[in-house]
Amino acid sequence: MAKKAQKALLTDIVDNGQYQVAVGKRGIILYSQDGIQWQQSNVPMQILLTSVFFINENIGWAVGHDATIINTKDGGKNWKIQNYQPELDKPFLDISFTDTLNGVAIGAYGLFYRTQDGGKTWNSVFLSSLLFEEDADYLAELKLEDPEGYEIETQSILPHFNQIHFSQNQIIMVGEQGFLATSNDNGKTFQRLDEFYLGSFFDIAVLNDGTWLIAGLRGNAFTSNNNGKQWHKLNTDTQATINHILKTPSGAILSANNGVVLTYKSGEVTKQQQSDGKANLASVISNNKLIFASEVGIKSQELN
């Protein structure tokens, strides 16, 4: 247990309907019913956690470095290890489920794990459908000539997968160097969309009106009204990297570095500047307040 857990680096936060749950450095997980009083969870490891997801108010998962996946069945109070592979030397960066059994964890260099039993078993999948044609040809030749070299190459040839989003029957995944891909068969195969910006994307959301909103490095954010075929660049008035998109009834709230908070509504973006200048990594809404997971722990501000 950490004495100052509430002020530690926190990378993600969600509301599971029972608690707000935040994760971060050294395996710290905090939970709160009101966003004011926080308690530290029982976690079996001390690695950096990067993302947390709940399918209902009790069952959730968190992921992090060393290919770690942990699971809770009591709303986030107690956690158990489901996957831990420090030998991979790769972090998971996001996790999402469609129901209590079927989920996906993604991460660095094309890391993609799938479960169909709620995380009792996790299986690594190499998404060859995301390879560029020249890379696919190279790997096919290498597989015949040097099977061991092929296995090594598959561990680093794909980009980092930063965020995965389930939307009805479609999966959308974003990552580094303008990576954007969709799947219409529950993730069995993915189609890589044309790159329109070469910086990294850190989040994507499908808003209530059907708009796709994507954001990432240097304050770049884009919207699409035709499922990613064409994109419109938003004027964010900031160079701060955008880390997270929180969907709201009328649009979205974007958490960014340097204490920047952006509100997207009706096609326009308004900017707020927090005085501390510290990075906001994610946010939720509780009791008419924005609760942030940030580089200095839990922060909050009144919702305008």
C-alpha atoms as a PDB file:
ATOM      1  CA  MET A   1       0.000   0.000   0.000  1.00  0.00           C
ATOM      2  CA  ALA A   2       1.253   3.484  -0.884  1.00  0.00           C
ATOM      3  CA  LYS A   3       0.867   6.378   1.573  1.00  0.00           C
ATOM      4  CA  LYS A   4       0.333   8.919  -1.193  1.00  0.00           C
ATOM      5  CA  ALA A   5      -1.444   6.703  -3.715  1.00  0.00           C
ATOM      6  CA  GLN A   6      -3.986   9.425  -4.520  1.00  0.00           C
ATOM      7  CA  LYS A   7      -1.141  11.673  -5.741  1.00  0.00           C
ATOM      8  CA  ALA A   8       0.707   9.052  -7.791  1.00  0.00           C
ATOM      9  CA  LEU A   9       0.784   8.936 -11.584  1.00  0.00           C
ATOM     10  CA  LEU A  10      -2.607   7.599 -12.696  1.00  0.00           C
ATOM     11  CA  THR A  11      -3.067   6.598 -16.318  1.00  0.00           C
ATOM     12  CA  ASP A  12      -6.751   5.708 -16.661  1.00  0.00           C
ATOM     13  CA  ILE A  13     -10.070   6.045 -14.866  1.00  0.00           C
ATOM     14  CA  VAL A  14     -13.564   4.606 -15.455  1.00  0.00           C
ATOM     15  CA  ASP A  15     -16.949   4.591 -13.759  1.00  0.00           C
ATOM     16  CA  ASN A  16     -18.348   1.072 -13.420  1.00  0.00           C
ATOM     17  CA  GLY A  17     -21.705   2.148 -12.018  1.00  0.00           C
ATOM     18  CA  GLN A  18     -20.661   1.338  -8.473  1.00  0.00           C
ATOM     19  CA  TYR A  19     -17.255   3.026  -8.145  1.00  0.00           C
ATOM     20  CA  GLN A  20     -14.910   5.280 -10.003  1.00  0.00           C
ATOM     21  CA  VAL A  21     -11.774   3.169 -10.507  1.00  0.00           C
ATOM     22  CA  ALA A  22      -8.351   4.585 -11.417  1.00  0.00           C
ATOM     23  CA  VAL A  23      -5.107   2.736 -12.241  1.00  0.00           C
ATOM     24  CA  GLY A  24      -1.494   3.826 -12.468  1.00  0.00           C
ATOM     25  CA  LYS A  25       2.140   3.401 -11.464  1.00  0.00           C
ATOM     26  CA  ARG A  26       3.474   0.617  -9.227  1.00  0.00           C
ATOM     27  CA  GLY A  27       0.214  -1.320  -9.597  1.00  0.00           C
ATOM     28  CA  ILE A  28      -1.805   1.316  -7.768  1.00  0.00           C
ATOM     29  CA  ILE A  29      -5.576   1.010  -8.165  1.00  0.00           C
ATOM     30  CA  LEU A  30      -7.958   3.376  -6.377  1.00  0.00           C
ATOM     31  CA  TYR A  31     -11.729   3.234  -6.057  1.00  0.00           C
ATOM     32  CA  SER A  32     -14.302   5.752  -4.848  1.00  0.00           C
ATOM     33  CA  GLN A  33     -18.071   6.071  -4.610  1.00  0.00           C
ATOM     34  CA  ASP A  34     -18.153   9.864  -4.663  1.00  0.00           C
ATOM     35  CA  GLY A  35     -14.940  10.908  -6.413  1.00  0.00           C
ATOM     36  CA  ILE A  36     -13.732  12.538  -3.177  1.00  0.00           C
ATOM     37  CA  GLN A  37     -12.832   9.772  -0.739  1.00  0.00           C
ATOM     38  CA  TRP A  38     -10.550   7.156  -2.309  1.00  0.00           C
ATOM     39  CA  GLN A  39      -9.428   3.741  -1.128  1.00  0.00           C
ATOM     40  CA  GLN A  40      -6.564   1.617  -2.421  1.00  0.00           C
ATOM     41  CA  SER A  41      -7.306  -1.791  -3.898  1.00  0.00           C
ATOM     42  CA  ASN A  42      -5.524  -5.076  -3.207  1.00  0.00           C
ATOM     43  CA  VAL A  43      -3.339  -5.685  -6.270  1.00  0.00           C
ATOM     44  CA  PRO A  44      -0.903  -8.626  -6.617  1.00  0.00           C
ATOM     45  CA  MET A  45       1.875  -6.760  -8.445  1.00  0.00           C
ATOM     46  CA  GLN A  46       3.731  -3.460  -8.661  1.00  0.00           C
ATOM     47  CA  ILE A  47       4.031  -2.702 -12.373  1.00  0.00           C
ATOM     48  CA  LEU A  48       2.734   0.310 -14.300  1.00  0.00           C
ATOM     49  CA  LEU A  49      -0.902  -0.214 -15.209  1.00  0.00           C
ATOM     50  CA  THR A  50      -2.043   1.547 -18.381  1.00  0.00           C
ATOM     51  CA  SER A  51      -5.771   0.909 -18.846  1.00  0.00           C
ATOM     52  CA  VAL A  52      -8.874  -0.348 -17.032  1.00  0.00           C
ATOM     53  CA  PHE A  53     -12.220  -1.606 -18.334  1.00  0.00           C
ATOM     54  CA  PHE A  54     -15.426  -2.865 -16.709  1.00  0.00           C
ATOM     55  CA  ILE A  55     -18.147  -4.865 -18.458  1.00  0.00           C
ATOM     56  CA  ASN A  56     -20.518  -4.289 -15.512  1.00  0.00           C
ATOM     57  CA  GLU A  57     -20.354  -2.852 -11.989  1.00  0.00           C
ATOM     58  CA  ASN A  58     -18.499  -5.901 -10.621  1.00  0.00           C
ATOM     59  CA  ILE A  59     -16.386  -7.507 -13.341  1.00  0.00           C
ATOM     60  CA  GLY A  60     -13.412  -5.659 -14.802  1.00  0.00           C
ATOM     61  CA  TRP A  61      -9.871  -5.963 -16.108  1.00  0.00           C
ATOM     62  CA  ALA A  62      -6.737  -3.829 -16.047  1.00  0.00           C
ATOM     63  CA  VAL A  63      -3.609  -4.139 -18.191  1.00  0.00           C
ATOM     64  CA  GLY A  64      -0.053  -2.872 -18.015  1.00  0.00           C
ATOM     65  CA  HIS A  65       3.626  -3.485 -18.554  1.00  0.00           C
ATOM     66  CA  ASP A  66       5.138  -6.990 -18.701  1.00  0.00           C
ATOM     67  CA  ALA A  67       2.086  -8.111 -20.724  1.00  0.00           C
ATOM     68  CA  THR A  68       0.065  -7.976 -17.528  1.00  0.00           C
ATOM     69  CA  ILE A  69      -3.685  -8.589 -17.327  1.00  0.00           C
ATOM     70  CA  ILE A  70      -5.482  -8.592 -13.975  1.00  0.00           C
ATOM     71  CA  ASN A  71      -9.153  -9.171 -13.157  1.00  0.00           C
ATOM     72  CA  THR A  72     -11.621  -8.106 -10.468  1.00  0.00           C
ATOM     73  CA  LYS A  73     -15.034  -9.534  -9.615  1.00  0.00           C
ATOM     74  CA  ASP A  74     -15.976  -7.160  -6.782  1.00  0.00           C
ATOM     75  CA  GLY A  75     -16.025  -3.793  -8.534  1.00  0.00           C
ATOM     76  CA  GLY A  76     -12.299  -3.132  -8.236  1.00  0.00           C
ATOM     77  CA  LYS A  77     -11.502  -3.777  -4.576  1.00  0.00           C
ATOM     78  CA  ASN A  78      -9.488  -6.976  -5.133  1.00  0.00           C
ATOM     79  CA  TRP A  79      -7.578  -8.138  -8.198  1.00  0.00           C
ATOM     80  CA  LYS A  80      -6.019 -11.382  -9.448  1.00  0.00           C
ATOM     81  CA  ILE A  81      -3.473 -12.080 -12.184  1.00  0.00           C
ATOM     82  CA  GLN A  82      -4.715 -13.562 -15.454  1.00  0.00           C
ATOM     83  CA  ASN A  83      -1.637 -12.988 -17.641  1.00  0.00           C
ATOM     84  CA  TYR A  84       1.940 -11.989 -16.794  1.00  0.00           C
ATOM     85  CA  GLN A  85       4.826 -12.363 -19.281  1.00  0.00           C
ATOM     86  CA  PRO A  86       7.794 -10.146 -18.359  1.00  0.00           C
ATOM     87  CA  GLU A  87       9.930 -12.068 -20.858  1.00  0.00           C
ATOM     88  CA  LEU A  88       7.984 -10.399 -23.693  1.00  0.00           C
ATOM     89  CA  ASP A  89       9.178  -6.981 -22.499  1.00  0.00           C
ATOM     90  CA  LYS A  90       6.033  -5.388 -23.945  1.00  0.00           C
ATOM     91  CA  PRO A  91       3.194  -3.433 -22.350  1.00  0.00           C
ATOM     92  CA  PHE A  92      -0.482  -3.874 -22.964  1.00  0.00           C
ATOM     93  CA  LEU A  93      -1.978  -0.429 -23.601  1.00  0.00           C
ATOM     94  CA  ASP A  94      -5.722  -1.088 -23.721  1.00  0.00           C
ATOM     95  CA  ILE A  95      -8.338  -3.752 -23.055  1.00  0.00           C
ATOM     96  CA  SER A  96     -12.014  -4.098 -23.934  1.00  0.00           C
ATOM     97  CA  PHE A  97     -14.763  -6.724 -23.765  1.00  0.00           C
ATOM     98  CA  THR A  98     -18.032  -7.221 -25.630  1.00  0.00           C
ATOM     99  CA  ASP A  99     -19.488  -9.378 -22.821  1.00  0.00           C
ATOM    100  CA  THR A 100     -18.221 -11.177 -19.728  1.00  0.00           C
ATOM    101  CA  LEU A 101     -16.477 -13.856 -21.820  1.00  0.00           C
ATOM    102  CA  ASN A 102     -15.125 -12.230 -24.990  1.00  0.00           C
ATOM    103  CA  GLY A 103     -12.383  -9.633 -24.845  1.00  0.00           C
ATOM    104  CA  VAL A 104      -9.223  -8.269 -26.439  1.00  0.00           C
ATOM    105  CA  ALA A 105      -6.042  -6.775 -24.987  1.00  0.00           C
ATOM    106  CA  ILE A 106      -3.700  -4.791 -27.243  1.00  0.00           C
ATOM    107  CA  GLY A 107      -0.315  -3.144 -26.935  1.00  0.00           C
ATOM    108  CA  ALA A 108       3.157  -2.430 -28.241  1.00  0.00           C
ATOM    109  CA  TYR A 109       4.418  -3.784 -31.581  1.00  0.00           C
ATOM    110  CA  GLY A 110       1.137  -5.335 -32.601  1.00  0.00           C
ATOM    111  CA  LEU A 111       0.479  -7.090 -29.306  1.00  0.00           C
ATOM    112  CA  PHE A 112      -3.014  -8.590 -29.610  1.00  0.00           C
ATOM    113  CA  TYR A 113      -4.429 -11.146 -27.165  1.00  0.00           C
ATOM    114  CA  ARG A 114      -7.914 -12.611 -27.216  1.00  0.00           C
ATOM    115  CA  THR A 115     -10.005 -14.459 -24.635  1.00  0.00           C
ATOM    116  CA  GLN A 116     -13.289 -16.299 -25.020  1.00  0.00           C
ATOM    117  CA  ASP A 117     -13.625 -17.448 -21.419  1.00  0.00           C
ATOM    118  CA  GLY A 118     -13.484 -14.241 -19.403  1.00  0.00           C
ATOM    119  CA  GLY A 119      -9.697 -14.256 -19.207  1.00  0.00           C
ATOM    120  CA  LYS A 120      -9.098 -17.746 -17.832  1.00  0.00           C
ATOM    121  CA  THR A 121      -7.010 -18.237 -20.969  1.00  0.00           C
ATOM    122  CA  TRP A 122      -5.494 -15.558 -23.206  1.00  0.00           C
ATOM    123  CA  ASN A 123      -4.213 -16.392 -26.694  1.00  0.00           C
ATOM    124  CA  SER A 124      -1.769 -14.325 -28.743  1.00  0.00           C
ATOM    125  CA  VAL A 125      -2.890 -13.487 -32.285  1.00  0.00           C
ATOM    126  CA  PHE A 126      -0.659 -12.136 -35.060  1.00  0.00           C
ATOM    127  CA  LEU A 127      -2.780  -9.817 -37.217  1.00  0.00           C
ATOM    128  CA  SER A 128      -1.249 -10.527 -40.612  1.00  0.00           C
ATOM    129  CA  SER A 129      -4.144  -8.703 -42.319  1.00  0.00           C
ATOM    130  CA  LEU A 130      -2.641  -5.430 -41.040  1.00  0.00           C
ATOM    131  CA  LEU A 131       0.705  -5.892 -42.790  1.00  0.00           C
ATOM    132  CA  PHE A 132       1.699  -3.699 -45.695  1.00  0.00           C
ATOM    133  CA  GLU A 133       1.979  -5.752 -48.889  1.00  0.00           C
ATOM    134  CA  GLU A 134       5.782  -5.574 -48.979  1.00  0.00           C
ATOM    135  CA  ASP A 135       6.016  -6.655 -45.336  1.00  0.00           C
ATOM    136  CA  ALA A 136       3.654  -9.573 -45.968  1.00  0.00           C
ATOM    137  CA  ASP A 137       5.807 -10.733 -48.903  1.00  0.00           C
ATOM    138  CA  TYR A 138       8.961 -10.399 -46.815  1.00  0.00           C
ATOM    139  CA  LEU A 139       7.487 -12.441 -43.941  1.00  0.00           C
ATOM    140  CA  ALA A 140       6.169 -15.150 -46.279  1.00  0.00           C
ATOM    141  CA  GLU A 141       9.662 -15.603 -47.722  1.00  0.00           C
ATOM    142  CA  LEU A 142      11.294 -15.490 -44.294  1.00  0.00           C
ATOM    143  CA  LYS A 143       8.894 -18.109 -42.911  1.00  0.00           C
ATOM    144  CA  LEU A 144      10.116 -20.583 -45.514  1.00  0.00           C
ATOM    145  CA  GLU A 145      13.811 -19.799 -45.209  1.00  0.00           C
ATOM    146  CA  ASP A 146      14.194 -19.007 -41.512  1.00  0.00           C
ATOM    147  CA  PRO A 147      11.254 -20.004 -39.267  1.00  0.00           C
ATOM    148  CA  GLU A 148      13.024 -18.743 -36.139  1.00  0.00           C
ATOM    149  CA  GLY A 149      13.757 -15.397 -37.778  1.00  0.00           C
ATOM    150  CA  TYR A 150      10.112 -15.222 -38.857  1.00  0.00           C
ATOM    151  CA  GLU A 151       8.935 -15.581 -35.261  1.00  0.00           C
ATOM    152  CA  ILE A 152      11.293 -12.799 -34.183  1.00  0.00           C
ATOM    153  CA  GLU A 153      10.147 -10.456 -36.956  1.00  0.00           C
ATOM    154  CA  THR A 154       6.465 -10.921 -36.143  1.00  0.00           C
ATOM    155  CA  GLN A 155       7.198  -9.533 -32.674  1.00  0.00           C
ATOM    156  CA  SER A 156       8.112  -6.072 -33.983  1.00  0.00           C
ATOM    157  CA  ILE A 157       6.898  -5.546 -37.554  1.00  0.00           C
ATOM    158  CA  LEU A 158       3.479  -4.111 -36.652  1.00  0.00           C
ATOM    159  CA  PRO A 159       2.938  -0.672 -35.061  1.00  0.00           C
ATOM    160  CA  HIS A 160       1.929  -0.033 -31.465  1.00  0.00           C
ATOM    161  CA  PHE A 161      -1.799  -0.552 -30.948  1.00  0.00           C
ATOM    162  CA  ASN A 162      -2.844   2.201 -28.519  1.00  0.00           C
ATOM    163  CA  GLN A 163      -6.629   1.985 -28.245  1.00  0.00           C
ATOM    164  CA  ILE A 164      -9.428  -0.376 -29.243  1.00  0.00           C
ATOM    165  CA  HIS A 165     -13.083   0.573 -29.468  1.00  0.00           C
ATOM    166  CA  PHE A 166     -16.094  -1.727 -29.874  1.00  0.00           C
ATOM    167  CA  SER A 167     -19.033  -0.096 -31.649  1.00  0.00           C
ATOM    168  CA  GLN A 168     -22.042  -2.327 -32.314  1.00  0.00           C
ATOM    169  CA  ASN A 169     -20.750  -4.943 -34.785  1.00  0.00           C
ATOM    170  CA  GLN A 170     -17.546  -3.094 -35.612  1.00  0.00           C
ATOM    171  CA  ILE A 171     -14.140  -2.845 -33.933  1.00  0.00           C
ATOM    172  CA  ILE A 172     -11.967   0.248 -34.430  1.00  0.00           C
ATOM    173  CA  MET A 173      -8.300   0.260 -33.448  1.00  0.00           C
ATOM    174  CA  VAL A 174      -5.816   3.171 -33.473  1.00  0.00           C
ATOM    175  CA  GLY A 175      -2.098   3.434 -32.876  1.00  0.00           C
ATOM    176  CA  GLU A 176       1.212   5.019 -33.769  1.00  0.00           C
ATOM    177  CA  GLN A 177       2.211   6.677 -37.048  1.00  0.00           C
ATOM    178  CA  GLY A 178      -1.363   7.299 -38.161  1.00  0.00           C
ATOM    179  CA  PHE A 179      -2.436   3.687 -37.721  1.00  0.00           C
ATOM    180  CA  LEU A 180      -6.206   3.165 -38.009  1.00  0.00           C
ATOM    181  CA  ALA A 181      -7.960  -0.133 -38.695  1.00  0.00           C
ATOM    182  CA  THR A 182     -11.451  -1.615 -38.530  1.00  0.00           C
ATOM    183  CA  SER A 183     -12.896  -5.098 -38.248  1.00  0.00           C
ATOM    184  CA  ASN A 184     -16.380  -6.255 -39.164  1.00  0.00           C
ATOM    185  CA  ASP A 185     -15.958  -9.905 -38.103  1.00  0.00           C
ATOM    186  CA  ASN A 186     -15.329  -9.526 -34.371  1.00  0.00           C
ATOM    187  CA  GLY A 187     -11.601  -9.009 -34.820  1.00  0.00           C
ATOM    188  CA  LYS A 188     -10.794 -12.099 -36.867  1.00  0.00           C
ATOM    189  CA  THR A 189      -9.519  -9.853 -39.662  1.00  0.00           C
ATOM    190  CA  PHE A 190      -8.816  -6.132 -39.822  1.00  0.00           C
ATOM    191  CA  GLN A 191      -8.748  -3.673 -42.694  1.00  0.00           C
ATOM    192  CA  ARG A 192      -6.144  -0.949 -42.484  1.00  0.00           C
ATOM    193  CA  LEU A 193      -7.619   2.441 -43.406  1.00  0.00           C
ATOM    194  CA  ASP A 194      -5.715   4.966 -45.490  1.00  0.00           C
ATOM    195  CA  GLU A 195      -3.367   7.082 -43.403  1.00  0.00           C
ATOM    196  CA  PHE A 196      -4.291  10.765 -43.353  1.00  0.00           C
ATOM    197  CA  TYR A 197      -1.993  11.911 -40.522  1.00  0.00           C
ATOM    198  CA  LEU A 198       1.366  10.352 -39.636  1.00  0.00           C
ATOM    199  CA  GLY A 199       1.383  11.131 -35.900  1.00  0.00           C
ATOM    200  CA  SER A 200       0.220   8.737 -33.222  1.00  0.00           C
ATOM    201  CA  PHE A 201      -3.426   8.434 -32.210  1.00  0.00           C
ATOM    202  CA  PHE A 202      -4.181   7.709 -28.557  1.00  0.00           C
ATOM    203  CA  ASP A 203      -7.971   7.431 -28.519  1.00  0.00           C
ATOM    204  CA  ILE A 204     -11.055   7.122 -30.677  1.00  0.00           C
ATOM    205  CA  ALA A 205     -14.753   7.346 -29.820  1.00  0.00           C
ATOM    206  CA  VAL A 206     -18.018   6.991 -31.695  1.00  0.00           C
ATOM    207  CA  LEU A 207     -20.227   9.796 -30.401  1.00  0.00           C
ATOM    208  CA  ASN A 208     -23.975   9.684 -29.842  1.00  0.00           C
ATOM    209  CA  ASP A 209     -24.707  11.235 -33.232  1.00  0.00           C
ATOM    210  CA  GLY A 210     -22.534   8.635 -34.997  1.00  0.00           C
ATOM    211  CA  THR A 211     -19.534  10.929 -35.492  1.00  0.00           C
ATOM    212  CA  TRP A 212     -16.114   9.293 -35.198  1.00  0.00           C
ATOM    213  CA  LEU A 213     -13.736  11.422 -33.097  1.00  0.00           C
ATOM    214  CA  ILE A 214     -10.030  10.584 -33.069  1.00  0.00           C
ATOM    215  CA  ALA A 215      -7.200  12.383 -31.257  1.00  0.00           C
ATOM    216  CA  GLY A 216      -3.504  12.175 -30.477  1.00  0.00           C
ATOM    217  CA  LEU A 217      -0.138  13.884 -30.711  1.00  0.00           C
ATOM    218  CA  ARG A 218       0.375  17.652 -30.701  1.00  0.00           C
ATOM    219  CA  GLY A 219      -3.281  18.504 -30.176  1.00  0.00           C
ATOM    220  CA  ASN A 220      -4.409  16.852 -33.373  1.00  0.00           C
ATOM    221  CA  ALA A 221      -8.051  15.784 -33.478  1.00  0.00           C
ATOM    222  CA  PHE A 222     -10.251  14.782 -36.398  1.00  0.00           C
ATOM    223  CA  THR A 223     -13.873  13.865 -37.011  1.00  0.00           C
ATOM    224  CA  SER A 224     -15.503  11.645 -39.622  1.00  0.00           C
ATOM    225  CA  ASN A 225     -19.187  11.454 -40.534  1.00  0.00           C
ATOM    226  CA  ASN A 226     -18.838   8.487 -42.896  1.00  0.00           C
ATOM    227  CA  ASN A 227     -17.187   5.769 -40.792  1.00  0.00           C
ATOM    228  CA  GLY A 228     -13.609   6.836 -41.390  1.00  0.00           C
ATOM    229  CA  LYS A 229     -13.698   7.326 -45.167  1.00  0.00           C
ATOM    230  CA  GLN A 230     -13.073  11.081 -44.923  1.00  0.00           C
ATOM    231  CA  TRP A 231     -11.752  13.170 -42.047  1.00  0.00           C
ATOM    232  CA  HIS A 232     -12.094  16.787 -40.958  1.00  0.00           C
ATOM    233  CA  LYS A 233      -9.357  18.356 -38.840  1.00  0.00           C
ATOM    234  CA  LEU A 234     -10.574  20.228 -35.759  1.00  0.00           C
ATOM    235  CA  ASN A 235      -9.158  23.519 -34.531  1.00  0.00           C
ATOM    236  CA  THR A 236      -8.097  22.609 -30.975  1.00  0.00           C
ATOM    237  CA  ASP A 237      -5.975  25.716 -30.313  1.00  0.00           C
ATOM    238  CA  THR A 238      -3.328  23.593 -28.583  1.00  0.00           C
ATOM    239  CA  GLN A 239      -0.132  21.648 -29.241  1.00  0.00           C
ATOM    240  CA  ALA A 240      -0.716  19.491 -26.154  1.00  0.00           C
ATOM    241  CA  THR A 241      -1.002  15.773 -26.830  1.00  0.00           C
ATOM    242  CA  ILE A 242      -4.564  14.493 -26.356  1.00  0.00           C
ATOM    243  CA  ASN A 243      -4.658  11.303 -24.304  1.00  0.00           C
ATOM    244  CA  HIS A 244      -8.317  10.430 -23.803  1.00  0.00           C
ATOM    245  CA  ILE A 245     -11.837  11.030 -25.135  1.00  0.00           C
ATOM    246  CA  LEU A 246     -14.802  10.922 -22.753  1.00  0.00           C
ATOM    247  CA  LYS A 247     -18.093  10.683 -24.624  1.00  0.00           C
ATOM    248  CA  THR A 248     -20.859  12.947 -23.278  1.00  0.00           C
ATOM    249  CA  PRO A 249     -24.567  13.230 -24.238  1.00  0.00           C
ATOM    250  CA  SER A 250     -23.851  16.229 -26.476  1.00  0.00           C
ATOM    251  CA  GLY A 251     -20.268  15.554 -27.606  1.00  0.00           C
ATOM    252  CA  ALA A 252     -17.033  14.745 -25.807  1.00  0.00           C
ATOM    253  CA  ILE A 253     -14.427  15.938 -23.305  1.00  0.00           C
ATOM    254  CA  LEU A 254     -10.786  15.459 -24.276  1.00  0.00           C
ATOM    255  CA  SER A 255      -8.040  15.157 -21.646  1.00  0.00           C
ATOM    256  CA  ALA A 256      -4.613  16.408 -22.705  1.00  0.00           C
ATOM    257  CA  ASN A 257      -1.108  17.194 -21.517  1.00  0.00           C
ATOM    258  CA  ASN A 258      -0.106  20.499 -19.912  1.00  0.00           C
ATOM    259  CA  GLY A 259      -3.376  20.823 -17.988  1.00  0.00           C
ATOM    260  CA  VAL A 260      -5.414  21.239 -21.171  1.00  0.00           C
ATOM    261  CA  VAL A 261      -9.072  20.162 -21.241  1.00  0.00           C
ATOM    262  CA  LEU A 262     -11.014  20.358 -24.512  1.00  0.00           C
ATOM    263  CA  THR A 263     -14.782  20.204 -24.990  1.00  0.00           C
ATOM    264  CA  TYR A 264     -16.178  19.088 -28.343  1.00  0.00           C
ATOM    265  CA  LYS A 265     -19.776  20.048 -29.174  1.00  0.00           C
ATOM    266  CA  SER A 266     -21.617  20.688 -32.439  1.00  0.00           C
ATOM    267  CA  GLY A 267     -18.436  20.445 -34.472  1.00  0.00           C
ATOM    268  CA  GLU A 268     -16.542  23.030 -32.408  1.00  0.00           C
ATOM    269  CA  VAL A 269     -13.820  22.734 -29.772  1.00  0.00           C
ATOM    270  CA  THR A 270     -13.417  24.975 -26.726  1.00  0.00           C
ATOM    271  CA  LYS A 271     -10.289  24.934 -24.572  1.00  0.00           C
ATOM    272  CA  GLN A 272      -9.753  25.222 -20.836  1.00  0.00           C
ATOM    273  CA  GLN A 273      -6.337  25.623 -19.244  1.00  0.00           C
ATOM    274  CA  GLN A 274      -5.846  24.215 -15.748  1.00  0.00           C
ATOM    275  CA  SER A 275      -3.461  26.267 -13.639  1.00  0.00           C
ATOM    276  CA  ASP A 276      -1.247  23.341 -12.570  1.00  0.00           C
ATOM    277  CA  GLY A 277      -0.208  22.547 -16.154  1.00  0.00           C
ATOM    278  CA  LYS A 278      -0.069  18.824 -15.395  1.00  0.00           C
ATOM    279  CA  ALA A 279      -0.997  16.091 -17.873  1.00  0.00           C
ATOM    280  CA  ASN A 280      -4.536  14.716 -17.757  1.00  0.00           C
ATOM    281  CA  LEU A 281      -4.534  11.091 -18.868  1.00  0.00           C
ATOM    282  CA  ALA A 282      -8.271  10.260 -18.619  1.00  0.00           C
ATOM    283  CA  SER A 283     -11.517  11.483 -17.048  1.00  0.00           C
ATOM    284  CA  VAL A 284     -14.984  10.513 -15.830  1.00  0.00           C
ATOM    285  CA  ILE A 285     -17.979  12.530 -14.665  1.00  0.00           C
ATOM    286  CA  SER A 286     -19.213  12.172 -11.074  1.00  0.00           C
ATOM    287  CA  ASN A 287     -21.640  14.394  -9.148  1.00  0.00           C
ATOM    288  CA  ASN A 288     -21.414  17.130 -11.787  1.00  0.00           C
ATOM    289  CA  LYS A 289     -17.612  17.113 -11.547  1.00  0.00           C
ATOM    290  CA  LEU A 290     -14.895  16.034 -13.924  1.00  0.00           C
ATOM    291  CA  ILE A 291     -12.600  13.564 -12.150  1.00  0.00           C
ATOM    292  CA  PHE A 292      -9.189  13.196 -13.807  1.00  0.00           C
ATOM    293  CA  ALA A 293      -6.524  10.533 -13.677  1.00  0.00           C
ATOM    294  CA  SER A 294      -3.384  12.638 -14.090  1.00  0.00           C
ATOM    295  CA  GLU A 295       0.370  12.667 -13.709  1.00  0.00           C
ATOM    296  CA  VAL A 296      -0.177  14.053 -10.173  1.00  0.00           C
ATOM    297  CA  GLY A 297      -2.964  11.658  -9.215  1.00  0.00           C
ATOM    298  CA  ILE A 298      -6.664  12.403  -8.811  1.00  0.00           C
ATOM    299  CA  LYS A 299      -7.789  15.897  -9.863  1.00  0.00           C
ATOM    300  CA  SER A 300     -11.293  17.316 -10.125  1.00  0.00           C
ATOM    301  CA  GLN A 301     -13.075  20.390 -11.422  1.00  0.00           C
ATOM    302  CA  GLU A 302     -16.665  21.552 -11.695  1.00  0.00           C
ATOM    303  CA  LEU A 303     -18.383  20.558 -14.901  1.00  0.00           C
ATOM    304  CA  ASN A 304     -19.416  23.627 -16.874  1.00  0.00           C
END
